[in-house]
C-alpha atoms as a PDB file:
ATOM      1  CA  MET A   1     -17.478  -4.958 -19.812  1.00  0.00           C
ATOM      2  CA  LYS A   2     -16.696  -6.665 -16.422  1.00  0.00           C
ATOM      3  CA  LYS A   3     -14.922  -5.961 -13.549  1.00  0.00           C
ATOM      4  CA  GLU A   4     -12.672  -8.874 -14.417  1.00  0.00           C
ATOM      5  CA  ASN A   5     -12.061  -8.815 -18.033  1.00  0.00           C
ATOM      6  CA  VAL A   6     -11.063  -5.204 -17.715  1.00  0.00           C
ATOM      7  CA  ILE A   7      -8.216  -6.906 -14.708  1.00  0.00           C
ATOM      8  CA  LEU A   8      -7.278  -8.890 -17.353  1.00  0.00           C
ATOM      9  CA  GLN A   9      -6.142  -6.810 -20.167  1.00  0.00           C
ATOM     10  CA  ILE A  10      -4.288  -4.904 -18.022  1.00  0.00           C
ATOM     11  CA  LEU A  11      -2.416  -8.293 -16.493  1.00  0.00           C
ATOM     12  CA  ARG A  12      -2.208  -9.230 -20.305  1.00  0.00           C
ATOM     13  CA  PHE A  13      -1.028  -5.720 -21.175  1.00  0.00           C
ATOM     14  CA  LEU A  14       1.760  -5.400 -18.413  1.00  0.00           C
ATOM     15  CA  GLY A  15       2.597  -9.366 -18.761  1.00  0.00           C
ATOM     16  CA  ILE A  16       3.913  -8.380 -22.467  1.00  0.00           C
ATOM     17  CA  SER A  17       5.447  -5.648 -21.468  1.00  0.00           C
ATOM     18  CA  LEU A  18       7.221  -7.721 -18.638  1.00  0.00           C
ATOM     19  CA  LEU A  19       8.128  -9.707 -21.613  1.00  0.00           C
ATOM     20  CA  ILE A  20       9.482  -7.139 -23.457  1.00  0.00           C
ATOM     21  CA  ASP A  21      12.004  -6.278 -21.142  1.00  0.00           C
ATOM     22  CA  LEU A  22      13.550 -10.075 -20.149  1.00  0.00           C
ATOM     23  CA  GLY A  23      13.770  -9.890 -24.175  1.00  0.00           C
ATOM     24  CA  LEU A  24      15.918  -6.454 -23.784  1.00  0.00           C
ATOM     25  CA  LEU A  25      17.421  -7.570 -20.555  1.00  0.00           C
ATOM     26  CA  VAL A  26      18.989 -10.498 -22.977  1.00  0.00           C
ATOM     27  CA  LEU A  27      19.592  -8.581 -25.925  1.00  0.00           C
ATOM     28  CA  VAL A  28      21.900  -6.800 -23.534  1.00  0.00           C
ATOM     29  CA  GLY A  29      23.490  -9.814 -21.647  1.00  0.00           C
ATOM     30  CA  ILE A  30      24.240 -10.632 -25.624  1.00  0.00           C
ATOM     31  CA  TRP A  31      26.003  -7.650 -26.497  1.00  0.00           C
ATOM     32  CA  CYS A  32      27.265  -7.366 -23.209  1.00  0.00           C
ATOM     33  CA  TRP A  33      29.195 -10.635 -23.481  1.00  0.00           C
ATOM     34  CA  VAL A  34      30.008 -10.200 -26.793  1.00  0.00           C
ATOM     35  CA  GLY A  35      32.014  -6.908 -25.745  1.00  0.00           C
ATOM     36  CA  PRO A  36      35.670  -7.229 -24.846  1.00  0.00           C
ATOM     37  CA  THR A  37      34.488  -6.539 -20.790  1.00  0.00           C
ATOM     38  CA  CYS A  38      31.514  -6.793 -19.563  1.00  0.00           C
ATOM     39  CA  THR A  39      31.402  -5.240 -15.561  1.00  0.00           C
ATOM     40  CA  ALA A  40      27.628  -5.105 -13.687  1.00  0.00           C
ATOM     41  CA  ALA A  41      28.270  -1.660 -14.294  1.00  0.00           C
ATOM     42  CA  ILE A  42      28.143  -1.540 -17.672  1.00  0.00           C
ATOM     43  CA  TRP A  43      25.180  -4.101 -18.354  1.00  0.00           C
ATOM     44  CA  SER A  44      23.377  -1.848 -15.763  1.00  0.00           C
ATOM     45  CA  GLU A  45      24.079   1.399 -18.468  1.00  0.00           C
ATOM     46  CA  ARG A  46      23.140  -0.803 -21.426  1.00  0.00           C
ATOM     47  CA  MET A  47      20.079  -1.559 -19.890  1.00  0.00           C
ATOM     48  CA  PHE A  48      18.636   2.384 -18.540  1.00  0.00           C
ATOM     49  CA  TRP A  49      19.759   3.803 -22.378  1.00  0.00           C
ATOM     50  CA  ALA A  50      17.403   0.554 -23.781  1.00  0.00           C
ATOM     51  CA  ALA A  51      14.879   2.155 -22.009  1.00  0.00           C
ATOM     52  CA  MET A  52      15.869   5.691 -22.870  1.00  0.00           C
ATOM     53  CA  ILE A  53      15.336   4.698 -26.584  1.00  0.00           C
ATOM     54  CA  ALA A  54      11.717   3.315 -24.750  1.00  0.00           C
ATOM     55  CA  PHE A  55      10.832   6.894 -23.804  1.00  0.00           C
ATOM     56  CA  ILE A  56      12.457   8.417 -26.998  1.00  0.00           C
ATOM     57  CA  SER A  57      10.384   6.347 -29.172  1.00  0.00           C
ATOM     58  CA  ALA A  58       6.848   7.215 -27.270  1.00  0.00           C
ATOM     59  CA  VAL A  59       7.170  11.163 -27.698  1.00  0.00           C
ATOM     60  CA  PRO A  60       5.871  11.679 -31.749  1.00  0.00           C
ATOM     61  CA  VAL A  61       2.918   9.915 -29.818  1.00  0.00           C
ATOM     62  CA  ILE A  62       3.165  13.351 -27.829  1.00  0.00           C
ATOM     63  CA  VAL A  63       3.520  15.515 -30.905  1.00  0.00           C
ATOM     64  CA  ALA A  64       1.605  13.764 -32.845  1.00  0.00           C
ATOM     65  CA  SER A  65      -1.915  13.902 -29.817  1.00  0.00           C
ATOM     66  CA  LEU A  66      -0.946  17.898 -29.907  1.00  0.00           C
ATOM     67  CA  ASN A  67      -3.517  18.290 -32.955  1.00  0.00           C
ATOM     68  CA  THR A  68      -5.919  15.708 -32.760  1.00  0.00           C
ATOM     69  CA  ALA A  69      -9.094  18.228 -34.242  1.00  0.00           C
ATOM     70  CA  SER A  70     -10.157  16.451 -37.435  1.00  0.00           C
ATOM     71  CA  GLY A  71     -12.119  20.086 -38.172  1.00  0.00           C
ATOM     72  CA  VAL A  72     -15.666  18.396 -38.116  1.00  0.00           C
ATOM     73  CA  GLU A  73     -16.676  19.391 -34.652  1.00  0.00           C
ATOM     74  CA  SER A  74     -16.773  23.559 -35.164  1.00  0.00           C
ATOM     75  CA  THR A  75     -18.861  23.183 -38.041  1.00  0.00           C
ATOM     76  CA  THR A  76     -22.381  22.839 -38.061  1.00  0.00           C
ATOM     77  CA  PHE A  77     -24.562  20.386 -40.272  1.00  0.00           C
ATOM     78  CA  GLY A  78     -28.496  21.219 -41.018  1.00  0.00           C
ATOM     79  CA  SER A  79     -28.511  17.624 -42.757  1.00  0.00           C
ATOM     80  CA  ALA A  80     -28.988  14.182 -40.122  1.00  0.00           C
ATOM     81  CA  TRP A  81     -26.461  12.950 -43.352  1.00  0.00           C
ATOM     82  CA  ALA A  82     -23.738  15.740 -42.467  1.00  0.00           C
ATOM     83  CA  GLN A  83     -24.805  14.806 -38.805  1.00  0.00           C
ATOM     84  CA  LYS A  84     -23.940  10.903 -39.481  1.00  0.00           C
ATOM     85  CA  ALA A  85     -21.107  11.639 -41.292  1.00  0.00           C
ATOM     86  CA  ALA A  86     -19.820  14.255 -38.168  1.00  0.00           C
ATOM     87  CA  LEU A  87     -20.295  10.855 -36.164  1.00  0.00           C
ATOM     88  CA  ASP A  88     -18.389   8.960 -38.097  1.00  0.00           C
ATOM     89  CA  THR A  89     -15.617  11.156 -38.393  1.00  0.00           C
ATOM     90  CA  ILE A  90     -14.575  11.931 -34.527  1.00  0.00           C
ATOM     91  CA  GLN A  91     -15.312   8.698 -33.631  1.00  0.00           C
ATOM     92  CA  GLN A  92     -12.585   6.819 -36.532  1.00  0.00           C
ATOM     93  CA  GLU A  93     -10.252  10.246 -34.932  1.00  0.00           C
ATOM     94  CA  ARG A  94     -11.146   8.778 -31.215  1.00  0.00           C
ATOM     95  CA  ASN A  95     -10.271   5.355 -32.460  1.00  0.00           C
ATOM     96  CA  LYS A  96      -6.563   6.411 -33.700  1.00  0.00           C
ATOM     97  CA  LEU A  97      -6.155   9.249 -30.406  1.00  0.00           C
ATOM     98  CA  GLY A  98      -6.757   6.086 -28.409  1.00  0.00           C
ATOM     99  CA  LYS A  99      -3.627   3.342 -30.558  1.00  0.00           C
ATOM    100  CA  ARG A 100      -1.767   6.486 -30.221  1.00  0.00           C
ATOM    101  CA  TRP A 101      -2.077   6.156 -26.821  1.00  0.00           C
ATOM    102  CA  ILE A 102      -1.962   2.604 -26.068  1.00  0.00           C
ATOM    103  CA  TYR A 103       1.428   2.391 -27.626  1.00  0.00           C
ATOM    104  CA  PHE A 104       2.467   5.670 -25.277  1.00  0.00           C
ATOM    105  CA  LEU A 105       1.832   2.958 -22.190  1.00  0.00           C
ATOM    106  CA  ARG A 106       2.996   0.182 -23.830  1.00  0.00           C
ATOM    107  CA  MET A 107       6.495   2.150 -24.473  1.00  0.00           C
ATOM    108  CA  PHE A 108       6.400   3.701 -20.966  1.00  0.00           C
ATOM    109  CA  THR A 109       5.627   0.312 -18.961  1.00  0.00           C
ATOM    110  CA  ILE A 110       8.722  -1.164 -20.700  1.00  0.00           C
ATOM    111  CA  ALA A 111      10.935   1.911 -20.511  1.00  0.00           C
ATOM    112  CA  LEU A 112      10.141   2.172 -16.421  1.00  0.00           C
ATOM    113  CA  GLY A 113      10.452  -1.750 -16.206  1.00  0.00           C
ATOM    114  CA  ALA A 114      13.984  -1.539 -18.438  1.00  0.00           C
ATOM    115  CA  PHE A 115      15.332   1.068 -15.087  1.00  0.00           C
ATOM    116  CA  LEU A 116      13.459  -1.019 -12.731  1.00  0.00           C
ATOM    117  CA  ILE A 117      15.881  -4.357 -14.168  1.00  0.00           C
ATOM    118  CA  SER A 118      18.638  -1.917 -14.430  1.00  0.00           C
ATOM    119  CA  MET A 119      18.543  -0.953 -11.060  1.00  0.00           C
ATOM    120  CA  ALA A 120      18.674  -4.200  -9.902  1.00  0.00           C
ATOM    121  CA  ILE A 121      21.081  -5.249 -11.847  1.00  0.00           C
ATOM    122  CA  ASP A 122      22.953  -2.018 -10.139  1.00  0.00           C
ATOM    123  CA  LEU A 123      22.026  -2.522  -6.560  1.00  0.00           C
ATOM    124  CA  LEU A 124      22.754  -6.485  -7.041  1.00  0.00           C
ATOM    125  CA  SER A 125      26.172  -6.315  -7.638  1.00  0.00           C
ATOM    126  CA  ARG A 126      27.242  -4.156  -5.048  1.00  0.00           C
END
């Protein structure tokens, strides 16, 4: 894979997370606007809790990846068919684990962005 492709994929990943953060900012802003009173401190606090929800939604990924062994790696195989089946199973497990960690990174970057937005609202309102 070329270095430029990797950089573009990282930037695309961060860009999508930023767009989700901006969507959260708009949703929290609408939620704050509809409420009885809205100050910058309340808006900042609600953005903080939106970030906490994103962090909490990433926790099951960590718990699920604590036991990712399928049991195939520890057995011995005598035939070529059994070895190929083991390689296929291991590859499927690695793909599942990779998808879990992509979800974790997505939620982590969303939460980090929401925390930063919350801090920016708090600092700019002073």
